[in-house]
C-alpha cells in the first residue's frame, strides 16, 4: 500500500487527515493541496463506506479515526443515507491552480451529489 507521508510522522499524519475529513463532512468541500486531497480521498471514502452500514461497531471505528462529534453525527445521519445506493466515488477533486506563497498546486475536494 503506497502511503504519502505528507512531511509528518504517523500519528500527526493520521490526526491531520482525521481533521481534514471532519472539515469535509461538516462543510461539504474544502480547499487544500492536491497531495493532501488525494490522501484525504482515501480516508474519507473509507469512512463513508463504514458509515453506510450504521452499526455501533462501525460508529466506534469512525469515532476512533475521526474524534469530531459534529462530523460523526453529520456523517451517519446525513451523508451516509445520501450515498446508500452508490458503491464508491463519493468525492471529487478539482484542481484550482497554484498557491500564491509557494506555488503549491491547490485543489478543492468536495462530496458529490
PDB file of N, CA and C in Angstrom:
ATOM      1  N   UNK A   1       0.851  -1.173   0.000  1.00  0.00           N
ATOM      2  CA  UNK A   1       0.000   0.000   0.000  1.00  0.00           C
ATOM      3  C   UNK A   1       0.897   1.237   0.000  1.00  0.00           C
ATOM      4  N   UNK A   2       0.766   2.056  -1.006  1.00  0.00           N
ATOM      5  CA  UNK A   2       1.531   3.294  -1.061  1.00  0.00           C
ATOM      6  C   UNK A   2       0.895   4.322  -0.141  1.00  0.00           C
ATOM      7  N   UNK A   3       1.740   4.951   0.654  1.00  0.00           N
ATOM      8  CA  UNK A   3       1.264   5.933   1.616  1.00  0.00           C
ATOM      9  C   UNK A   3       2.052   7.219   1.439  1.00  0.00           C
ATOM     10  N   UNK A   4       1.352   8.299   1.275  1.00  0.00           N
ATOM     11  CA  UNK A   4       2.024   9.591   1.198  1.00  0.00           C
ATOM     12  C   UNK A   4       2.331  10.049   2.620  1.00  0.00           C
ATOM     13  N   UNK A   5       3.560  10.428   2.868  1.00  0.00           N
ATOM     14  CA  UNK A   5       3.957  10.820   4.220  1.00  0.00           C
ATOM     15  C   UNK A   5       3.531  12.234   4.567  1.00  0.00           C
ATOM     16  N   UNK A   6       3.421  13.093   3.595  1.00  0.00           N
ATOM     17  CA  UNK A   6       2.981  14.474   3.782  1.00  0.00           C
ATOM     18  C   UNK A   6       3.881  15.248   4.744  1.00  0.00           C
ATOM     19  N   UNK A   7       5.130  14.820   4.882  1.00  0.00           N
ATOM     20  CA  UNK A   7       6.086  15.528   5.723  1.00  0.00           C
ATOM     21  C   UNK A   7       5.783  15.444   7.201  1.00  0.00           C
ATOM     22  N   UNK A   8       5.068  14.405   7.628  1.00  0.00           N
ATOM     23  CA  UNK A   8       4.691  14.273   9.028  1.00  0.00           C
ATOM     24  C   UNK A   8       4.923  12.851   9.499  1.00  0.00           C
ATOM     25  N   UNK A   9       5.108  12.694  10.800  1.00  0.00           N
ATOM     26  CA  UNK A   9       5.210  11.349  11.350  1.00  0.00           C
ATOM     27  C   UNK A   9       3.807  10.754  11.482  1.00  0.00           C
ATOM     28  N   UNK A  10       3.722   9.467  11.744  1.00  0.00           N
ATOM     29  CA  UNK A  10       2.476   8.724  11.626  1.00  0.00           C
ATOM     30  C   UNK A  10       1.294   9.273  12.389  1.00  0.00           C
ATOM     31  N   UNK A  11       1.462   9.524  13.693  1.00  0.00           N
ATOM     32  CA  UNK A  11       0.316   9.970  14.481  1.00  0.00           C
ATOM     33  C   UNK A  11      -0.128  11.373  14.064  1.00  0.00           C
ATOM     34  N   UNK A  12       0.818  12.229  13.712  1.00  0.00           N
ATOM     35  CA  UNK A  12       0.466  13.573  13.250  1.00  0.00           C
ATOM     36  C   UNK A  12      -0.276  13.507  11.922  1.00  0.00           C
ATOM     37  N   UNK A  13       0.164  12.624  11.038  1.00  0.00           N
ATOM     38  CA  UNK A  13      -0.484  12.463   9.737  1.00  0.00           C
ATOM     39  C   UNK A  13      -1.914  11.951   9.896  1.00  0.00           C
ATOM     40  N   UNK A  14      -2.106  10.945  10.755  1.00  0.00           N
ATOM     41  CA  UNK A  14      -3.454  10.420  10.978  1.00  0.00           C
ATOM     42  C   UNK A  14      -4.366  11.473  11.589  1.00  0.00           C
ATOM     43  N   UNK A  15      -3.834  12.271  12.535  1.00  0.00           N
ATOM     44  CA  UNK A  15      -4.632  13.334  13.149  1.00  0.00           C
ATOM     45  C   UNK A  15      -5.007  14.389  12.115  1.00  0.00           C
ATOM     46  N   UNK A  16      -4.063  14.771  11.261  1.00  0.00           N
ATOM     47  CA  UNK A  16      -4.333  15.781  10.245  1.00  0.00           C
ATOM     48  C   UNK A  16      -5.395  15.294   9.261  1.00  0.00           C
ATOM     49  N   UNK A  17      -5.277  14.040   8.823  1.00  0.00           N
ATOM     50  CA  UNK A  17      -6.255  13.506   7.879  1.00  0.00           C
ATOM     51  C   UNK A  17      -7.628  13.358   8.532  1.00  0.00           C
ATOM     52  N   UNK A  18      -7.666  13.014   9.827  1.00  0.00           N
ATOM     53  CA  UNK A  18      -8.937  12.966  10.539  1.00  0.00           C
ATOM     54  C   UNK A  18      -9.587  14.328  10.635  1.00  0.00           C
ATOM     55  N   UNK A  19      -8.767  15.353  10.890  1.00  0.00           N
ATOM     56  CA  UNK A  19      -9.296  16.721  10.957  1.00  0.00           C
ATOM     57  C   UNK A  19      -9.766  17.204   9.587  1.00  0.00           C
ATOM     58  N   UNK A  20      -9.011  16.876   8.536  1.00  0.00           N
ATOM     59  CA  UNK A  20      -9.448  17.251   7.191  1.00  0.00           C
ATOM     60  C   UNK A  20     -10.755  16.554   6.828  1.00  0.00           C
ATOM     61  N   UNK A  21     -10.879  15.278   7.193  1.00  0.00           N
ATOM     62  CA  UNK A  21     -12.112  14.540   6.906  1.00  0.00           C
ATOM     63  C   UNK A  21     -13.289  15.150   7.664  1.00  0.00           C
ATOM     64  N   UNK A  22     -13.071  15.529   8.920  1.00  0.00           N
ATOM     65  CA  UNK A  22     -14.140  16.161   9.705  1.00  0.00           C
ATOM     66  C   UNK A  22     -14.579  17.457   9.058  1.00  0.00           C
ATOM     67  N   UNK A  23     -13.616  18.256   8.600  1.00  0.00           N
ATOM     68  CA  UNK A  23     -13.961  19.515   7.934  1.00  0.00           C
ATOM     69  C   UNK A  23     -14.728  19.255   6.642  1.00  0.00           C
ATOM     70  N   UNK A  24     -14.322  18.231   5.912  1.00  0.00           N
ATOM     71  CA  UNK A  24     -15.013  17.891   4.672  1.00  0.00           C
ATOM     72  C   UNK A  24     -16.456  17.487   4.944  1.00  0.00           C
ATOM     73  N   UNK A  25     -16.681  16.688   5.985  1.00  0.00           N
ATOM     74  CA  UNK A  25     -18.036  16.217   6.268  1.00  0.00           C
ATOM     75  C   UNK A  25     -18.925  17.332   6.817  1.00  0.00           C
ATOM     76  N   UNK A  26     -18.356  18.273   7.548  1.00  0.00           N
ATOM     77  CA  UNK A  26     -19.145  19.376   8.098  1.00  0.00           C
ATOM     78  C   UNK A  26     -19.430  20.425   7.027  1.00  0.00           C
ATOM     79  N   UNK A  27     -18.398  20.783   6.251  1.00  0.00           N
ATOM     80  CA  UNK A  27     -18.516  21.876   5.277  1.00  0.00           C
ATOM     81  C   UNK A  27     -19.021  21.416   3.912  1.00  0.00           C
ATOM     82  N   UNK A  28     -18.716  20.195   3.516  1.00  0.00           N
ATOM     83  CA  UNK A  28     -19.115  19.718   2.193  1.00  0.00           C
ATOM     84  C   UNK A  28     -18.017  19.833   1.163  1.00  0.00           C
ATOM     85  N   UNK A  29     -17.136  20.824   1.294  1.00  0.00           N
ATOM     86  CA  UNK A  29     -15.978  20.948   0.418  1.00  0.00           C
ATOM     87  C   UNK A  29     -14.916  21.772   1.121  1.00  0.00           C
ATOM     88  N   UNK A  30     -13.648  21.484   0.843  1.00  0.00           N
ATOM     89  CA  UNK A  30     -12.549  22.232   1.429  1.00  0.00           C
ATOM     90  C   UNK A  30     -11.476  22.458   0.377  1.00  0.00           C
ATOM     91  N   UNK A  31     -10.668  23.493   0.592  1.00  0.00           N
ATOM     92  CA  UNK A  31      -9.557  23.810  -0.292  1.00  0.00           C
ATOM     93  C   UNK A  31      -8.273  23.372   0.403  1.00  0.00           C
ATOM     94  N   UNK A  32      -7.466  22.570  -0.275  1.00  0.00           N
ATOM     95  CA  UNK A  32      -6.210  22.074   0.271  1.00  0.00           C
ATOM     96  C   UNK A  32      -5.256  21.793  -0.877  1.00  0.00           C
ATOM     97  N   UNK A  33      -4.075  21.295  -0.576  1.00  0.00           N
ATOM     98  CA  UNK A  33      -3.148  20.970  -1.648  1.00  0.00           C
ATOM     99  C   UNK A  33      -3.601  19.700  -2.352  1.00  0.00           C
ATOM    100  N   UNK A  34      -3.148  19.507  -3.567  1.00  0.00           N
ATOM    101  CA  UNK A  34      -3.553  18.341  -4.357  1.00  0.00           C
ATOM    102  C   UNK A  34      -3.119  17.054  -3.665  1.00  0.00           C
ATOM    103  N   UNK A  35      -1.906  17.026  -3.121  1.00  0.00           N
ATOM    104  CA  UNK A  35      -1.399  15.817  -2.464  1.00  0.00           C
ATOM    105  C   UNK A  35      -2.243  15.456  -1.246  1.00  0.00           C
ATOM    106  N   UNK A  36      -2.573  16.454  -0.426  1.00  0.00           N
ATOM    107  CA  UNK A  36      -3.425  16.186   0.735  1.00  0.00           C
ATOM    108  C   UNK A  36      -4.818  15.754   0.292  1.00  0.00           C
ATOM    109  N   UNK A  37      -5.339  16.356  -0.751  1.00  0.00           N
ATOM    110  CA  UNK A  37      -6.674  15.989  -1.237  1.00  0.00           C
ATOM    111  C   UNK A  37      -6.708  14.537  -1.695  1.00  0.00           C
ATOM    112  N   UNK A  38      -5.660  14.103  -2.381  1.00  0.00           N
ATOM    113  CA  UNK A  38      -5.624  12.711  -2.857  1.00  0.00           C
ATOM    114  C   UNK A  38      -5.547  11.727  -1.693  1.00  0.00           C
ATOM    115  N   UNK A  39      -4.800  12.090  -0.663  1.00  0.00           N
ATOM    116  CA  UNK A  39      -4.715  11.215   0.504  1.00  0.00           C
ATOM    117  C   UNK A  39      -6.008  11.279   1.311  1.00  0.00           C
ATOM    118  N   UNK A  40      -6.616  12.462   1.395  1.00  0.00           N
ATOM    119  CA  UNK A  40      -7.884  12.613   2.110  1.00  0.00           C
ATOM    120  C   UNK A  40      -8.988  11.814   1.443  1.00  0.00           C
ATOM    121  N   UNK A  41      -8.960  11.723   0.129  1.00  0.00           N
ATOM    122  CA  UNK A  41      -9.977  10.946  -0.595  1.00  0.00           C
ATOM    123  C   UNK A  41     -10.001   9.507  -0.093  1.00  0.00           C
ATOM    124  N   UNK A  42      -8.818   8.902   0.096  1.00  0.00           N
ATOM    125  CA  UNK A  42      -8.757   7.520   0.581  1.00  0.00           C
ATOM    126  C   UNK A  42      -9.411   7.389   1.947  1.00  0.00           C
ATOM    127  N   UNK A  43      -9.094   8.330   2.843  1.00  0.00           N
ATOM    128  CA  UNK A  43      -9.620   8.273   4.209  1.00  0.00           C
ATOM    129  C   UNK A  43     -11.129   8.512   4.212  1.00  0.00           C
ATOM    130  N   UNK A  44     -11.578   9.553   3.524  1.00  0.00           N
ATOM    131  CA  UNK A  44     -12.987   9.946   3.550  1.00  0.00           C
ATOM    132  C   UNK A  44     -13.881   8.868   2.934  1.00  0.00           C
ATOM    133  N   UNK A  45     -13.444   8.293   1.828  1.00  0.00           N
ATOM    134  CA  UNK A  45     -14.288   7.286   1.179  1.00  0.00           C
ATOM    135  C   UNK A  45     -14.432   6.037   2.049  1.00  0.00           C
ATOM    136  N   UNK A  46     -13.374   5.671   2.744  1.00  0.00           N
ATOM    137  CA  UNK A  46     -13.470   4.518   3.644  1.00  0.00           C
ATOM    138  C   UNK A  46     -14.387   4.818   4.827  1.00  0.00           C
ATOM    139  N   UNK A  47     -14.331   6.046   5.349  1.00  0.00           N
ATOM    140  CA  UNK A  47     -15.209   6.412   6.460  1.00  0.00           C
ATOM    141  C   UNK A  47     -16.674   6.427   6.028  1.00  0.00           C
ATOM    142  N   UNK A  48     -16.950   6.920   4.830  1.00  0.00           N
ATOM    143  CA  UNK A  48     -18.332   6.935   4.333  1.00  0.00           C
ATOM    144  C   UNK A  48     -18.839   5.514   4.143  1.00  0.00           C
ATOM    145  N   UNK A  49     -17.994   4.641   3.624  1.00  0.00           N
ATOM    146  CA  UNK A  49     -18.397   3.245   3.438  1.00  0.00           C
ATOM    147  C   UNK A  49     -18.706   2.594   4.779  1.00  0.00           C
ATOM    148  N   UNK A  50     -17.890   2.875   5.802  1.00  0.00           N
ATOM    149  CA  UNK A  50     -18.176   2.348   7.144  1.00  0.00           C
ATOM    150  C   UNK A  50     -19.503   2.890   7.663  1.00  0.00           C
ATOM    151  N   UNK A  51     -19.755   4.171   7.428  1.00  0.00           N
ATOM    152  CA  UNK A  51     -20.963   4.813   7.965  1.00  0.00           C
ATOM    153  C   UNK A  51     -22.222   4.296   7.281  1.00  0.00           C
ATOM    154  N   UNK A  52     -22.103   3.788   6.072  1.00  0.00           N
ATOM    155  CA  UNK A  52     -23.292   3.316   5.354  1.00  0.00           C
ATOM    156  C   UNK A  52     -23.959   2.156   6.062  1.00  0.00           C
ATOM    157  N   UNK A  53     -23.190   1.299   6.741  1.00  0.00           N
ATOM    158  CA  UNK A  53     -23.812   0.179   7.455  1.00  0.00           C
ATOM    159  C   UNK A  53     -24.509   0.668   8.726  1.00  0.00           C
ATOM    160  N   UNK A  54     -23.914   1.644   9.403  1.00  0.00           N
ATOM    161  CA  UNK A  54     -24.569   2.268  10.541  1.00  0.00           C
ATOM    162  C   UNK A  54     -24.566   1.476  11.831  1.00  0.00           C
ATOM    163  N   UNK A  55     -23.772   0.409  11.931  1.00  0.00           N
ATOM    164  CA  UNK A  55     -23.754  -0.371  13.163  1.00  0.00           C
ATOM    165  C   UNK A  55     -22.958   0.360  14.238  1.00  0.00           C
ATOM    166  N   UNK A  56     -23.161  -0.055  15.479  1.00  0.00           N
ATOM    167  CA  UNK A  56     -22.449   0.547  16.599  1.00  0.00           C
ATOM    168  C   UNK A  56     -20.947   0.326  16.460  1.00  0.00           C
ATOM    169  N   UNK A  57     -20.563  -0.854  16.019  1.00  0.00           N
ATOM    170  CA  UNK A  57     -19.148  -1.150  15.830  1.00  0.00           C
ATOM    171  C   UNK A  57     -18.516  -0.216  14.806  1.00  0.00           C
ATOM    172  N   UNK A  58     -19.204   0.011  13.697  1.00  0.00           N
ATOM    173  CA  UNK A  58     -18.680   0.912  12.680  1.00  0.00           C
ATOM    174  C   UNK A  58     -18.635   2.352  13.184  1.00  0.00           C
ATOM    175  N   UNK A  59     -19.613   2.742  13.972  1.00  0.00           N
ATOM    176  CA  UNK A  59     -19.608   4.095  14.537  1.00  0.00           C
ATOM    177  C   UNK A  59     -18.395   4.280  15.442  1.00  0.00           C
ATOM    178  N   UNK A  60     -18.069   3.267  16.239  1.00  0.00           N
ATOM    179  CA  UNK A  60     -16.909   3.355  17.124  1.00  0.00           C
ATOM    180  C   UNK A  60     -15.604   3.402  16.328  1.00  0.00           C
ATOM    181  N   UNK A  61     -15.533   2.644  15.237  1.00  0.00           N
ATOM    182  CA  UNK A  61     -14.344   2.690  14.387  1.00  0.00           C
ATOM    183  C   UNK A  61     -14.167   4.067  13.763  1.00  0.00           C
ATOM    184  N   UNK A  62     -15.264   4.673  13.313  1.00  0.00           N
ATOM    185  CA  UNK A  62     -15.199   6.005  12.708  1.00  0.00           C
ATOM    186  C   UNK A  62     -14.793   7.042  13.758  1.00  0.00           C
ATOM    187  N   UNK A  63     -15.356   6.946  14.971  1.00  0.00           N
ATOM    188  CA  UNK A  63     -15.003   7.891  16.029  1.00  0.00           C
ATOM    189  C   UNK A  63     -13.534   7.758  16.407  1.00  0.00           C
ATOM    190  N   UNK A  64     -12.994   6.542  16.396  1.00  0.00           N
ATOM    191  CA  UNK A  64     -11.573   6.350  16.696  1.00  0.00           C
ATOM    192  C   UNK A  64     -10.704   7.010  15.639  1.00  0.00           C
ATOM    193  N   UNK A  65     -11.155   7.003  14.407  1.00  0.00           N
ATOM    194  CA  UNK A  65     -10.377   7.593  13.321  1.00  0.00           C
ATOM    195  C   UNK A  65     -10.571   9.105  13.230  1.00  0.00           C
ATOM    196  N   UNK A  66     -11.764   9.583  13.615  1.00  0.00           N
ATOM    197  CA  UNK A  66     -12.110  10.995  13.451  1.00  0.00           C
ATOM    198  C   UNK A  66     -12.921  11.447  14.673  1.00  0.00           C
ATOM    199  N   UNK A  67     -12.264  11.819  15.776  1.00  0.00           N
ATOM    200  CA  UNK A  67     -12.991  12.169  17.006  1.00  0.00           C
ATOM    201  C   UNK A  67     -13.557  13.587  16.981  1.00  0.00           C
ATOM    202  N   UNK A  68     -14.515  13.819  16.109  1.00  0.00           N
ATOM    203  CA  UNK A  68     -15.157  15.130  15.990  1.00  0.00           C
ATOM    204  C   UNK A  68     -16.656  14.861  15.990  1.00  0.00           C
ATOM    205  N   UNK A  69     -17.321  15.201  17.088  1.00  0.00           N
ATOM    206  CA  UNK A  69     -18.701  14.783  17.314  1.00  0.00           C
ATOM    207  C   UNK A  69     -19.663  15.266  16.232  1.00  0.00           C
ATOM    208  N   UNK A  70     -19.571  16.541  15.855  1.00  0.00           N
ATOM    209  CA  UNK A  70     -20.483  17.080  14.844  1.00  0.00           C
ATOM    210  C   UNK A  70     -20.262  16.408  13.484  1.00  0.00           C
ATOM    211  N   UNK A  71     -19.010  16.112  13.167  1.00  0.00           N
ATOM    212  CA  UNK A  71     -18.716  15.476  11.887  1.00  0.00           C
ATOM    213  C   UNK A  71     -19.235  14.042  11.852  1.00  0.00           C
ATOM    214  N   UNK A  72     -19.077  13.322  12.952  1.00  0.00           N
ATOM    215  CA  UNK A  72     -19.568  11.934  13.004  1.00  0.00           C
ATOM    216  C   UNK A  72     -21.090  11.917  12.901  1.00  0.00           C
ATOM    217  N   UNK A  73     -21.746  12.829  13.599  1.00  0.00           N
ATOM    218  CA  UNK A  73     -23.205  12.910  13.528  1.00  0.00           C
ATOM    219  C   UNK A  73     -23.661  13.230  12.108  1.00  0.00           C
ATOM    220  N   UNK A  74     -23.007  14.189  11.481  1.00  0.00           N
ATOM    221  CA  UNK A  74     -23.345  14.546  10.106  1.00  0.00           C
ATOM    222  C   UNK A  74     -23.097  13.383   9.153  1.00  0.00           C
ATOM    223  N   UNK A  75     -21.997  12.682   9.369  1.00  0.00           N
ATOM    224  CA  UNK A  75     -21.660  11.552   8.508  1.00  0.00           C
ATOM    225  C   UNK A  75     -22.713  10.458   8.589  1.00  0.00           C
ATOM    226  N   UNK A  76     -23.099  10.069   9.790  1.00  0.00           N
ATOM    227  CA  UNK A  76     -24.034   8.959   9.940  1.00  0.00           C
ATOM    228  C   UNK A  76     -25.479   9.358   9.645  1.00  0.00           C
ATOM    229  N   UNK A  77     -25.879  10.603   9.964  1.00  0.00           N
ATOM    230  CA  UNK A  77     -27.280  10.996   9.803  1.00  0.00           C
ATOM    231  C   UNK A  77     -27.598  11.593   8.439  1.00  0.00           C
ATOM    232  N   UNK A  78     -26.645  12.289   7.812  1.00  0.00           N
ATOM    233  CA  UNK A  78     -26.922  12.990   6.568  1.00  0.00           C
ATOM    234  C   UNK A  78     -26.199  12.384   5.363  1.00  0.00           C
ATOM    235  N   UNK A  79     -24.900  12.193   5.493  1.00  0.00           N
ATOM    236  CA  UNK A  79     -24.085  11.818   4.337  1.00  0.00           C
ATOM    237  C   UNK A  79     -24.263  10.352   3.954  1.00  0.00           C
ATOM    238  N   UNK A  80     -24.178   9.445   4.910  1.00  0.00           N
ATOM    239  CA  UNK A  80     -24.277   8.016   4.598  1.00  0.00           C
ATOM    240  C   UNK A  80     -25.616   7.633   3.951  1.00  0.00           C
ATOM    241  N   UNK A  81     -26.756   8.125   4.449  1.00  0.00           N
ATOM    242  CA  UNK A  81     -28.014   7.783   3.766  1.00  0.00           C
ATOM    243  C   UNK A  81     -28.082   8.329   2.339  1.00  0.00           C
ATOM    244  N   UNK A  82     -27.439   9.467   2.091  1.00  0.00           N
ATOM    245  CA  UNK A  82     -27.446  10.054   0.752  1.00  0.00           C
ATOM    246  C   UNK A  82     -26.717   9.157  -0.253  1.00  0.00           C
ATOM    247  N   UNK A  83     -25.711   8.409   0.223  1.00  0.00           N
ATOM    248  CA  UNK A  83     -24.931   7.547  -0.667  1.00  0.00           C
ATOM    249  C   UNK A  83     -25.290   6.070  -0.516  1.00  0.00           C
ATOM    250  N   UNK A  84     -26.462   5.761   0.003  1.00  0.00           N
ATOM    251  CA  UNK A  84     -26.822   4.360   0.258  1.00  0.00           C
ATOM    252  C   UNK A  84     -26.873   3.527  -1.020  1.00  0.00           C
ATOM    253  N   UNK A  85     -27.259   4.128  -2.133  1.00  0.00           N
ATOM    254  CA  UNK A  85     -27.344   3.393  -3.397  1.00  0.00           C
ATOM    255  C   UNK A  85     -26.052   3.438  -4.196  1.00  0.00           C
ATOM    256  N   UNK A  86     -25.088   4.249  -3.762  1.00  0.00           N
ATOM    257  CA  UNK A  86     -23.847   4.441  -4.510  1.00  0.00           C
ATOM    258  C   UNK A  86     -22.763   3.518  -3.953  1.00  0.00           C
ATOM    259  N   UNK A  87     -21.979   2.909  -4.834  1.00  0.00           N
ATOM    260  CA  UNK A  87     -20.956   1.962  -4.375  1.00  0.00           C
ATOM    261  C   UNK A  87     -19.556   2.527  -4.571  1.00  0.00           C
ATOM    262  N   UNK A  88     -19.316   3.710  -4.048  1.00  0.00           N
ATOM    263  CA  UNK A  88     -17.983   4.310  -4.133  1.00  0.00           C
ATOM    264  C   UNK A  88     -18.009   5.589  -4.930  1.00  0.00           C
ATOM    265  N   UNK A  89     -16.888   6.276  -4.944  1.00  0.00           N
ATOM    266  CA  UNK A  89     -16.785   7.527  -5.685  1.00  0.00           C
ATOM    267  C   UNK A  89     -17.597   8.638  -5.062  1.00  0.00           C
ATOM    268  N   UNK A  90     -17.404   8.861  -3.761  1.00  0.00           N
ATOM    269  CA  UNK A  90     -18.197   9.850  -3.039  1.00  0.00           C
ATOM    270  C   UNK A  90     -17.597  11.244  -3.090  1.00  0.00           C
ATOM    271  N   UNK A  91     -16.327  11.353  -3.510  1.00  0.00           N
ATOM    272  CA  UNK A  91     -15.654  12.642  -3.506  1.00  0.00           C
ATOM    273  C   UNK A  91     -15.178  13.020  -4.899  1.00  0.00           C
ATOM    274  N   UNK A  92     -14.959  14.316  -5.076  1.00  0.00           N
ATOM    275  CA  UNK A  92     -14.457  14.854  -6.342  1.00  0.00           C
ATOM    276  C   UNK A  92     -13.325  15.811  -6.011  1.00  0.00           C
ATOM    277  N   UNK A  93     -12.233  15.734  -6.781  1.00  0.00           N
ATOM    278  CA  UNK A  93     -11.109  16.647  -6.615  1.00  0.00           C
ATOM    279  C   UNK A  93     -11.020  17.512  -7.863  1.00  0.00           C
ATOM    280  N   UNK A  94     -11.055  18.831  -7.666  1.00  0.00           N
ATOM    281  CA  UNK A  94     -10.952  19.781  -8.775  1.00  0.00           C
ATOM    282  C   UNK A  94      -9.724  20.647  -8.536  1.00  0.00           C
ATOM    283  N   UNK A  95      -8.772  20.612  -9.458  1.00  0.00           N
ATOM    284  CA  UNK A  95      -7.558  21.413  -9.319  1.00  0.00           C
ATOM    285  C   UNK A  95      -7.883  22.871  -9.627  1.00  0.00           C
ATOM    286  N   UNK A  96      -7.331  23.789  -8.810  1.00  0.00           N
ATOM    287  CA  UNK A  96      -7.676  25.205  -8.961  1.00  0.00           C
ATOM    288  C   UNK A  96      -6.464  26.096  -9.182  1.00  0.00           C
ATOM    289  N   UNK A  97      -5.314  25.532  -9.496  1.00  0.00           N
ATOM    290  CA  UNK A  97      -4.137  26.353  -9.755  1.00  0.00           C
ATOM    291  C   UNK A  97      -3.154  26.311  -8.605  1.00  0.00           C
ATOM    292  N   UNK A  98      -2.186  27.201  -8.628  1.00  0.00           N
ATOM    293  CA  UNK A  98      -1.122  27.194  -7.634  1.00  0.00           C
ATOM    294  C   UNK A  98      -1.346  28.251  -6.557  1.00  0.00           C
ATOM    295  N   UNK A  99      -0.860  27.939  -5.346  1.00  0.00           N
ATOM    296  CA  UNK A  99      -0.945  28.854  -4.216  1.00  0.00           C
ATOM    297  C   UNK A  99       0.034  30.003  -4.437  1.00  0.00           C
ATOM    298  N   UNK A 100      -0.339  31.201  -4.006  1.00  0.00           N
ATOM    299  CA  UNK A 100       0.464  32.394  -4.254  1.00  0.00           C
ATOM    300  C   UNK A 100       1.812  32.326  -3.525  1.00  0.00           C
ATOM    301  N   UNK A 101       1.828  31.914  -2.267  1.00  0.00           N
ATOM    302  CA  UNK A 101       3.039  31.986  -1.474  1.00  0.00           C
ATOM    303  C   UNK A 101       4.159  31.077  -1.932  1.00  0.00           C
ATOM    304  N   UNK A 102       3.849  29.801  -2.194  1.00  0.00           N
ATOM    305  CA  UNK A 102       4.901  28.843  -2.519  1.00  0.00           C
ATOM    306  C   UNK A 102       4.629  28.050  -3.793  1.00  0.00           C
ATOM    307  N   UNK A 103       3.622  28.427  -4.536  1.00  0.00           N
ATOM    308  CA  UNK A 103       3.281  27.794  -5.819  1.00  0.00           C
ATOM    309  C   UNK A 103       2.926  26.322  -5.680  1.00  0.00           C
ATOM    310  N   UNK A 104       2.395  25.915  -4.525  1.00  0.00           N
ATOM    311  CA  UNK A 104       1.921  24.542  -4.364  1.00  0.00           C
ATOM    312  C   UNK A 104       0.637  24.363  -5.149  1.00  0.00           C
ATOM    313  N   UNK A 105       0.485  23.248  -5.852  1.00  0.00           N
ATOM    314  CA  UNK A 105      -0.773  23.023  -6.569  1.00  0.00           C
ATOM    315  C   UNK A 105      -1.931  22.828  -5.604  1.00  0.00           C
ATOM    316  N   UNK A 106      -2.997  23.582  -5.787  1.00  0.00           N
ATOM    317  CA  UNK A 106      -4.144  23.561  -4.886  1.00  0.00           C
ATOM    318  C   UNK A 106      -5.335  22.870  -5.552  1.00  0.00           C
ATOM    319  N   UNK A 107      -6.248  22.365  -4.712  1.00  0.00           N
ATOM    320  CA  UNK A 107      -7.427  21.681  -5.231  1.00  0.00           C
ATOM    321  C   UNK A 107      -8.587  21.874  -4.257  1.00  0.00           C
ATOM    322  N   UNK A 108      -9.777  21.719  -4.776  1.00  0.00           N
ATOM    323  CA  UNK A 108     -10.990  21.680  -3.958  1.00  0.00           C
ATOM    324  C   UNK A 108     -11.437  20.223  -3.943  1.00  0.00           C
ATOM    325  N   UNK A 109     -11.605  19.675  -2.744  1.00  0.00           N
ATOM    326  CA  UNK A 109     -12.173  18.330  -2.630  1.00  0.00           C
ATOM    327  C   UNK A 109     -13.579  18.495  -2.070  1.00  0.00           C
ATOM    328  N   UNK A 110     -14.537  17.869  -2.726  1.00  0.00           N
ATOM    329  CA  UNK A 110     -15.949  18.041  -2.354  1.00  0.00           C
ATOM    330  C   UNK A 110     -16.686  16.728  -2.425  1.00  0.00           C
ATOM    331  N   UNK A 111     -17.766  16.649  -1.693  1.00  0.00           N
ATOM    332  CA  UNK A 111     -18.639  15.495  -1.757  1.00  0.00           C
ATOM    333  C   UNK A 111     -19.543  15.629  -2.974  1.00  0.00           C
ATOM    334  N   UNK A 112     -19.681  14.555  -3.735  1.00  0.00           N
ATOM    335  CA  UNK A 112     -20.528  14.613  -4.927  1.00  0.00           C
ATOM    336  C   UNK A 112     -21.985  14.510  -4.500  1.00  0.00           C
ATOM    337  N   UNK A 113     -22.866  14.973  -5.354  1.00  0.00           N
ATOM    338  CA  UNK A 113     -24.302  14.954  -5.049  1.00  0.00           C
ATOM    339  C   UNK A 113     -24.951  13.661  -5.457  1.00  0.00           C
TER     340      UNK A 113
END
